[in-house]
Amino acid sequence: LMKKLLGIIVLGLLLSGNAYAEKTLILCTQDEGKEKGFSKSYIIDTEKKQIYFNNNKTSKNFQEINNIITYETESDTYEYIAELDRYTGKKKVLWRPKDKKKQKKMGLKDDEYDSWTETCIAHPKKIF
């Protein structure tokens, strides 16, 4: 009886690691700037350490420390760095075109980014 009970406890502990892995749909709305009110949706997969965007792109350099998720995306034309607080739903975004002429046209100096905040809400249920 003790061996069975111990086996159940050990098995439960081994499987409990997956309880914190989740896929969550979030909707983020821009708080300020020229695209104020614009909304985007994402899927956060904490198990695979990835964020999926509606254009089939994925994040890179995903990290989660103290419920703050940081990640980057990149294309041939722009750089995007984000920091999402999972407690407050606030997301800080840094963005800039890669083309130096376009950066100057936007009024950005070298190594400077356009920035804004977004308010994000999670879908009330796990969807996966």
N, C-alpha and C. Protein backbone atom coordinates (compact mmCIF):
# COMPACT_ATOMS: atom_id res chain seq x y z
N LEU A 1 0.83 -1.20 0.00
CA LEU A 1 0.00 0.00 0.00
C LEU A 1 0.87 1.26 0.00
N MET A 2 1.92 1.28 0.79
CA MET A 2 2.82 2.44 0.85
C MET A 2 3.53 2.66 -0.48
N LYS A 3 3.94 1.54 -1.14
CA LYS A 3 4.61 1.67 -2.43
C LYS A 3 3.68 2.27 -3.46
N LYS A 4 2.41 1.86 -3.46
CA LYS A 4 1.43 2.40 -4.41
C LYS A 4 1.20 3.89 -4.15
N LEU A 5 1.06 4.24 -2.88
CA LEU A 5 0.85 5.64 -2.52
C LEU A 5 2.05 6.49 -2.92
N LEU A 6 3.26 6.01 -2.64
CA LEU A 6 4.48 6.71 -3.02
C LEU A 6 4.57 6.84 -4.53
N GLY A 7 4.21 5.78 -5.26
CA GLY A 7 4.22 5.81 -6.72
C GLY A 7 3.26 6.86 -7.27
N ILE A 8 2.10 6.97 -6.67
CA ILE A 8 1.11 7.97 -7.11
C ILE A 8 1.64 9.38 -6.85
N ILE A 9 2.25 9.58 -5.69
CA ILE A 9 2.79 10.90 -5.36
C ILE A 9 3.91 11.28 -6.32
N VAL A 10 4.83 10.37 -6.58
CA VAL A 10 5.95 10.64 -7.49
C VAL A 10 5.43 10.93 -8.90
N LEU A 11 4.49 10.13 -9.37
CA LEU A 11 3.92 10.34 -10.69
C LEU A 11 3.23 11.70 -10.76
N GLY A 12 2.51 12.05 -9.72
CA GLY A 12 1.85 13.35 -9.67
C GLY A 12 2.84 14.50 -9.74
N LEU A 13 3.96 14.36 -9.02
CA LEU A 13 4.98 15.40 -9.06
C LEU A 13 5.62 15.52 -10.43
N LEU A 14 5.87 14.40 -11.08
CA LEU A 14 6.46 14.42 -12.42
C LEU A 14 5.54 15.10 -13.43
N LEU A 15 4.26 14.83 -13.33
CA LEU A 15 3.31 15.39 -14.28
C LEU A 15 2.90 16.82 -13.95
N SER A 16 3.12 17.26 -12.74
CA SER A 16 2.66 18.59 -12.34
C SER A 16 3.44 19.71 -13.02
N GLY A 17 4.60 19.43 -13.56
CA GLY A 17 5.37 20.44 -14.28
C GLY A 17 4.60 20.97 -15.48
N ASN A 18 3.77 20.14 -16.08
CA ASN A 18 2.99 20.58 -17.24
C ASN A 18 1.81 21.44 -16.84
N ALA A 19 1.46 21.49 -15.58
CA ALA A 19 0.31 22.28 -15.15
C ALA A 19 0.55 23.77 -15.36
N TYR A 20 1.80 24.20 -15.34
CA TYR A 20 2.11 25.61 -15.51
C TYR A 20 2.35 25.97 -16.97
N ALA A 21 2.52 24.99 -17.83
CA ALA A 21 2.71 25.24 -19.25
C ALA A 21 1.34 25.48 -19.86
N GLU A 22 1.21 26.58 -20.57
CA GLU A 22 -0.09 26.90 -21.12
C GLU A 22 0.04 27.71 -22.39
N LYS A 23 -0.99 27.63 -23.20
CA LYS A 23 -1.13 28.51 -24.36
C LYS A 23 -2.26 29.46 -24.03
N THR A 24 -1.98 30.74 -24.15
CA THR A 24 -2.96 31.75 -23.80
C THR A 24 -3.13 32.72 -24.96
N LEU A 25 -4.37 32.97 -25.32
CA LEU A 25 -4.67 33.97 -26.33
C LEU A 25 -4.77 35.32 -25.64
N ILE A 26 -4.04 36.32 -26.16
CA ILE A 26 -4.14 37.66 -25.59
C ILE A 26 -4.50 38.65 -26.68
N LEU A 27 -5.18 39.71 -26.29
CA LEU A 27 -5.54 40.80 -27.18
C LEU A 27 -4.92 42.06 -26.61
N CYS A 28 -4.11 42.75 -27.43
CA CYS A 28 -3.42 43.96 -26.98
C CYS A 28 -3.90 45.15 -27.79
N THR A 29 -4.21 46.25 -27.09
CA THR A 29 -4.67 47.48 -27.72
C THR A 29 -3.68 48.59 -27.42
N GLN A 30 -3.26 49.29 -28.49
CA GLN A 30 -2.27 50.34 -28.32
C GLN A 30 -2.87 51.52 -27.56
N ASP A 31 -2.15 51.99 -26.52
CA ASP A 31 -2.63 53.05 -25.63
C ASP A 31 -2.38 54.46 -26.16
N GLU A 32 -1.40 54.61 -27.04
CA GLU A 32 -0.97 55.95 -27.43
C GLU A 32 -0.38 55.93 -28.84
N GLY A 33 -0.04 57.09 -29.35
CA GLY A 33 0.62 57.20 -30.64
C GLY A 33 -0.36 57.25 -31.80
N LYS A 34 0.21 57.20 -33.00
CA LYS A 34 -0.62 57.38 -34.20
C LYS A 34 -1.57 56.21 -34.43
N GLU A 35 -1.29 55.05 -33.84
CA GLU A 35 -2.17 53.89 -34.00
C GLU A 35 -2.93 53.59 -32.70
N LYS A 36 -3.20 54.63 -31.91
CA LYS A 36 -3.93 54.45 -30.65
C LYS A 36 -5.26 53.75 -30.92
N GLY A 37 -5.55 52.74 -30.10
CA GLY A 37 -6.79 51.98 -30.26
C GLY A 37 -6.67 50.78 -31.17
N PHE A 38 -5.55 50.66 -31.90
CA PHE A 38 -5.35 49.52 -32.80
C PHE A 38 -5.10 48.26 -31.96
N SER A 39 -5.77 47.17 -32.30
CA SER A 39 -5.65 45.93 -31.53
C SER A 39 -4.99 44.82 -32.34
N LYS A 40 -4.24 43.98 -31.64
CA LYS A 40 -3.60 42.81 -32.23
C LYS A 40 -3.77 41.64 -31.27
N SER A 41 -3.82 40.44 -31.83
CA SER A 41 -3.92 39.26 -30.96
C SER A 41 -2.69 38.39 -31.14
N TYR A 42 -2.35 37.68 -30.06
CA TYR A 42 -1.18 36.81 -30.02
C TYR A 42 -1.53 35.55 -29.24
N ILE A 43 -0.75 34.51 -29.46
CA ILE A 43 -0.83 33.32 -28.62
C ILE A 43 0.52 33.17 -27.92
N ILE A 44 0.47 33.11 -26.61
CA ILE A 44 1.68 32.91 -25.81
C ILE A 44 1.73 31.44 -25.41
N ASP A 45 2.82 30.77 -25.74
CA ASP A 45 3.03 29.37 -25.37
C ASP A 45 4.21 29.32 -24.41
N THR A 46 3.91 29.24 -23.10
CA THR A 46 4.99 29.28 -22.10
C THR A 46 5.80 27.99 -22.08
N GLU A 47 5.22 26.89 -22.57
CA GLU A 47 5.96 25.63 -22.60
C GLU A 47 7.05 25.68 -23.67
N LYS A 48 6.70 26.15 -24.85
CA LYS A 48 7.67 26.23 -25.96
C LYS A 48 8.45 27.53 -25.95
N LYS A 49 8.11 28.42 -25.00
CA LYS A 49 8.76 29.73 -24.90
C LYS A 49 8.70 30.45 -26.25
N GLN A 50 7.46 30.68 -26.68
CA GLN A 50 7.23 31.25 -28.00
C GLN A 50 5.96 32.08 -28.00
N ILE A 51 5.95 33.10 -28.82
CA ILE A 51 4.74 33.88 -29.07
C ILE A 51 4.44 33.77 -30.55
N TYR A 52 3.19 33.47 -30.85
CA TYR A 52 2.76 33.30 -32.23
C TYR A 52 1.90 34.48 -32.63
N PHE A 53 2.18 35.02 -33.80
CA PHE A 53 1.46 36.18 -34.33
C PHE A 53 0.53 35.72 -35.45
N ASN A 54 -0.47 36.55 -35.77
CA ASN A 54 -1.46 36.14 -36.76
C ASN A 54 -0.90 36.03 -38.18
N ASN A 55 0.31 36.50 -38.42
CA ASN A 55 0.92 36.37 -39.75
C ASN A 55 1.88 35.18 -39.80
N ASN A 56 1.70 34.23 -38.89
CA ASN A 56 2.51 33.01 -38.80
C ASN A 56 3.96 33.24 -38.40
N LYS A 57 4.30 34.45 -37.99
CA LYS A 57 5.65 34.70 -37.48
C LYS A 57 5.70 34.32 -36.02
N THR A 58 6.90 34.07 -35.54
CA THR A 58 7.10 33.73 -34.14
C THR A 58 8.13 34.68 -33.53
N SER A 59 8.15 34.70 -32.21
CA SER A 59 9.10 35.55 -31.50
C SER A 59 10.46 34.89 -31.43
N LYS A 60 11.43 35.68 -31.00
CA LYS A 60 12.75 35.13 -30.70
C LYS A 60 13.20 35.73 -29.37
N ASN A 61 14.18 35.09 -28.77
CA ASN A 61 14.73 35.54 -27.48
C ASN A 61 13.66 35.67 -26.40
N PHE A 62 12.72 34.73 -26.35
CA PHE A 62 11.64 34.72 -25.36
C PHE A 62 12.23 34.42 -23.99
N GLN A 63 11.91 35.26 -23.01
CA GLN A 63 12.31 35.02 -21.62
C GLN A 63 11.15 35.40 -20.71
N GLU A 64 10.99 34.66 -19.63
CA GLU A 64 10.02 35.05 -18.62
C GLU A 64 10.71 35.04 -17.26
N ILE A 65 10.76 36.22 -16.65
CA ILE A 65 11.37 36.37 -15.33
C ILE A 65 10.39 37.15 -14.46
N ASN A 66 9.99 36.57 -13.34
CA ASN A 66 9.04 37.21 -12.41
C ASN A 66 7.78 37.70 -13.13
N ASN A 67 7.23 36.85 -13.99
CA ASN A 67 6.01 37.15 -14.74
C ASN A 67 6.14 38.32 -15.71
N ILE A 68 7.36 38.69 -16.07
CA ILE A 68 7.60 39.67 -17.13
C ILE A 68 8.15 38.88 -18.33
N ILE A 69 7.41 38.93 -19.43
CA ILE A 69 7.84 38.25 -20.66
C ILE A 69 8.51 39.28 -21.56
N THR A 70 9.73 39.00 -21.99
CA THR A 70 10.39 39.83 -22.98
C THR A 70 10.62 38.99 -24.23
N TYR A 71 10.47 39.62 -25.38
CA TYR A 71 10.69 38.93 -26.64
C TYR A 71 10.98 39.93 -27.74
N GLU A 72 11.46 39.41 -28.85
CA GLU A 72 11.77 40.24 -30.01
C GLU A 72 11.16 39.58 -31.24
N THR A 73 10.91 40.40 -32.25
CA THR A 73 10.60 39.89 -33.58
C THR A 73 11.43 40.71 -34.54
N GLU A 74 11.64 40.17 -35.69
CA GLU A 74 12.46 40.87 -36.66
C GLU A 74 12.02 40.45 -38.06
N SER A 75 12.07 41.40 -38.96
CA SER A 75 11.81 41.10 -40.36
C SER A 75 12.93 41.74 -41.16
N ASP A 76 12.81 41.72 -42.46
CA ASP A 76 13.81 42.37 -43.30
C ASP A 76 13.75 43.88 -43.17
N THR A 77 12.61 44.40 -42.69
CA THR A 77 12.40 45.84 -42.70
C THR A 77 12.34 46.50 -41.33
N TYR A 78 12.12 45.76 -40.24
CA TYR A 78 11.99 46.40 -38.94
C TYR A 78 12.51 45.53 -37.80
N GLU A 79 12.69 46.18 -36.64
CA GLU A 79 13.03 45.52 -35.38
C GLU A 79 11.92 45.83 -34.37
N TYR A 80 11.58 44.87 -33.52
CA TYR A 80 10.48 45.03 -32.55
C TYR A 80 10.90 44.32 -31.27
N ILE A 81 10.89 45.03 -30.16
CA ILE A 81 11.24 44.48 -28.85
C ILE A 81 10.09 44.79 -27.90
N ALA A 82 9.63 43.79 -27.16
CA ALA A 82 8.48 43.99 -26.27
C ALA A 82 8.74 43.40 -24.90
N GLU A 83 8.08 43.99 -23.91
CA GLU A 83 8.13 43.53 -22.53
C GLU A 83 6.69 43.54 -22.01
N LEU A 84 6.18 42.36 -21.67
CA LEU A 84 4.79 42.21 -21.23
C LEU A 84 4.75 41.78 -19.77
N ASP A 85 4.06 42.56 -18.96
CA ASP A 85 3.86 42.23 -17.55
C ASP A 85 2.59 41.40 -17.44
N ARG A 86 2.72 40.13 -17.08
CA ARG A 86 1.56 39.23 -17.03
C ARG A 86 0.62 39.56 -15.88
N TYR A 87 1.07 40.32 -14.87
CA TYR A 87 0.19 40.72 -13.77
C TYR A 87 -0.70 41.90 -14.16
N THR A 88 -0.09 42.93 -14.73
CA THR A 88 -0.84 44.16 -15.02
C THR A 88 -1.42 44.18 -16.43
N GLY A 89 -0.88 43.37 -17.35
CA GLY A 89 -1.33 43.39 -18.74
C GLY A 89 -0.72 44.52 -19.55
N LYS A 90 0.21 45.26 -18.96
CA LYS A 90 0.85 46.36 -19.69
C LYS A 90 2.02 45.82 -20.51
N LYS A 91 2.10 46.30 -21.74
CA LYS A 91 3.19 45.89 -22.63
C LYS A 91 3.90 47.15 -23.13
N LYS A 92 5.22 47.15 -23.02
CA LYS A 92 6.05 48.23 -23.54
C LYS A 92 6.68 47.76 -24.84
N VAL A 93 6.62 48.58 -25.87
CA VAL A 93 7.10 48.20 -27.19
C VAL A 93 8.15 49.20 -27.67
N LEU A 94 9.24 48.67 -28.23
CA LEU A 94 10.24 49.46 -28.94
C LEU A 94 10.24 48.98 -30.39
N TRP A 95 10.18 49.93 -31.34
CA TRP A 95 10.09 49.56 -32.76
C TRP A 95 10.88 50.55 -33.59
N ARG A 96 11.51 50.05 -34.65
CA ARG A 96 12.15 50.94 -35.62
C ARG A 96 12.38 50.22 -36.93
N PRO A 97 12.37 50.98 -38.02
CA PRO A 97 12.73 50.38 -39.31
C PRO A 97 14.23 50.11 -39.33
N LYS A 98 14.66 49.13 -40.08
CA LYS A 98 16.10 48.84 -40.17
C LYS A 98 16.82 49.85 -41.06
N ASP A 99 16.10 50.38 -42.03
CA ASP A 99 16.68 51.34 -42.97
C ASP A 99 16.99 52.66 -42.25
N LYS A 100 18.25 53.07 -42.26
CA LYS A 100 18.68 54.29 -41.55
C LYS A 100 17.99 55.53 -42.09
N LYS A 101 17.72 55.57 -43.41
CA LYS A 101 17.03 56.73 -43.99
C LYS A 101 15.61 56.84 -43.45
N LYS A 102 14.94 55.71 -43.32
CA LYS A 102 13.58 55.71 -42.77
C LYS A 102 13.58 56.12 -41.30
N GLN A 103 14.63 55.68 -40.57
CA GLN A 103 14.75 56.09 -39.17
C GLN A 103 14.88 57.60 -39.05
N LYS A 104 15.73 58.18 -39.90
CA LYS A 104 15.94 59.64 -39.87
C LYS A 104 14.66 60.37 -40.27
N LYS A 105 13.94 59.83 -41.25
CA LYS A 105 12.67 60.43 -41.69
C LYS A 105 11.66 60.47 -40.55
N MET A 106 11.71 59.44 -39.69
CA MET A 106 10.82 59.38 -38.51
C MET A 106 11.32 60.27 -37.37
N GLY A 107 12.53 60.82 -37.52
CA GLY A 107 13.09 61.66 -36.46
C GLY A 107 13.85 60.86 -35.41
N LEU A 108 14.19 59.62 -35.72
CA LEU A 108 14.93 58.77 -34.78
C LEU A 108 16.43 58.94 -34.99
N LYS A 109 17.14 59.07 -33.88
CA LYS A 109 18.60 59.12 -33.93
C LYS A 109 19.14 57.69 -33.97
N ASP A 110 20.46 57.56 -34.19
CA ASP A 110 21.07 56.22 -34.18
C ASP A 110 20.76 55.51 -32.87
N ASP A 111 20.44 54.23 -32.95
CA ASP A 111 20.14 53.39 -31.80
C ASP A 111 18.92 53.86 -30.99
N GLU A 112 18.04 54.64 -31.61
CA GLU A 112 16.83 55.10 -30.95
C GLU A 112 15.62 54.37 -31.56
N TYR A 113 14.61 54.13 -30.75
CA TYR A 113 13.42 53.42 -31.18
C TYR A 113 12.18 54.29 -30.98
N ASP A 114 11.17 54.06 -31.80
CA ASP A 114 9.84 54.57 -31.52
C ASP A 114 9.30 53.68 -30.40
N SER A 115 8.53 54.24 -29.47
CA SER A 115 8.04 53.41 -28.37
C SER A 115 6.59 53.76 -28.05
N TRP A 116 5.89 52.80 -27.49
CA TRP A 116 4.52 53.00 -27.04
C TRP A 116 4.17 51.91 -26.05
N THR A 117 3.00 52.05 -25.43
CA THR A 117 2.52 51.02 -24.51
C THR A 117 1.21 50.45 -25.06
N GLU A 118 0.93 49.24 -24.64
CA GLU A 118 -0.31 48.57 -25.00
C GLU A 118 -0.91 47.97 -23.73
N THR A 119 -2.23 47.86 -23.72
CA THR A 119 -2.93 47.17 -22.64
C THR A 119 -3.41 45.84 -23.20
N CYS A 120 -3.04 44.76 -22.53
CA CYS A 120 -3.36 43.42 -23.01
C CYS A 120 -4.29 42.71 -22.03
N ILE A 121 -5.20 41.93 -22.59
CA ILE A 121 -6.08 41.11 -21.76
C ILE A 121 -6.00 39.68 -22.28
N ALA A 122 -6.07 38.75 -21.37
CA ALA A 122 -6.03 37.33 -21.73
C ALA A 122 -7.44 36.83 -21.95
N HIS A 123 -7.57 35.89 -22.87
CA HIS A 123 -8.85 35.22 -23.06
C HIS A 123 -9.21 34.56 -21.74
N PRO A 124 -10.47 34.63 -21.31
CA PRO A 124 -10.81 34.12 -19.96
C PRO A 124 -10.65 32.62 -19.76
N LYS A 125 -10.55 31.86 -20.83
CA LYS A 125 -10.39 30.41 -20.69
C LYS A 125 -9.17 29.97 -21.47
N LYS A 126 -8.57 28.87 -21.04
CA LYS A 126 -7.51 28.27 -21.84
C LYS A 126 -8.16 27.74 -23.11
N ILE A 127 -7.54 28.01 -24.25
CA ILE A 127 -8.16 27.64 -25.51
C ILE A 127 -7.52 26.43 -26.15
N PHE A 128 -6.45 25.92 -25.57
CA PHE A 128 -5.78 24.78 -26.18
C PHE A 128 -5.66 23.65 -25.18
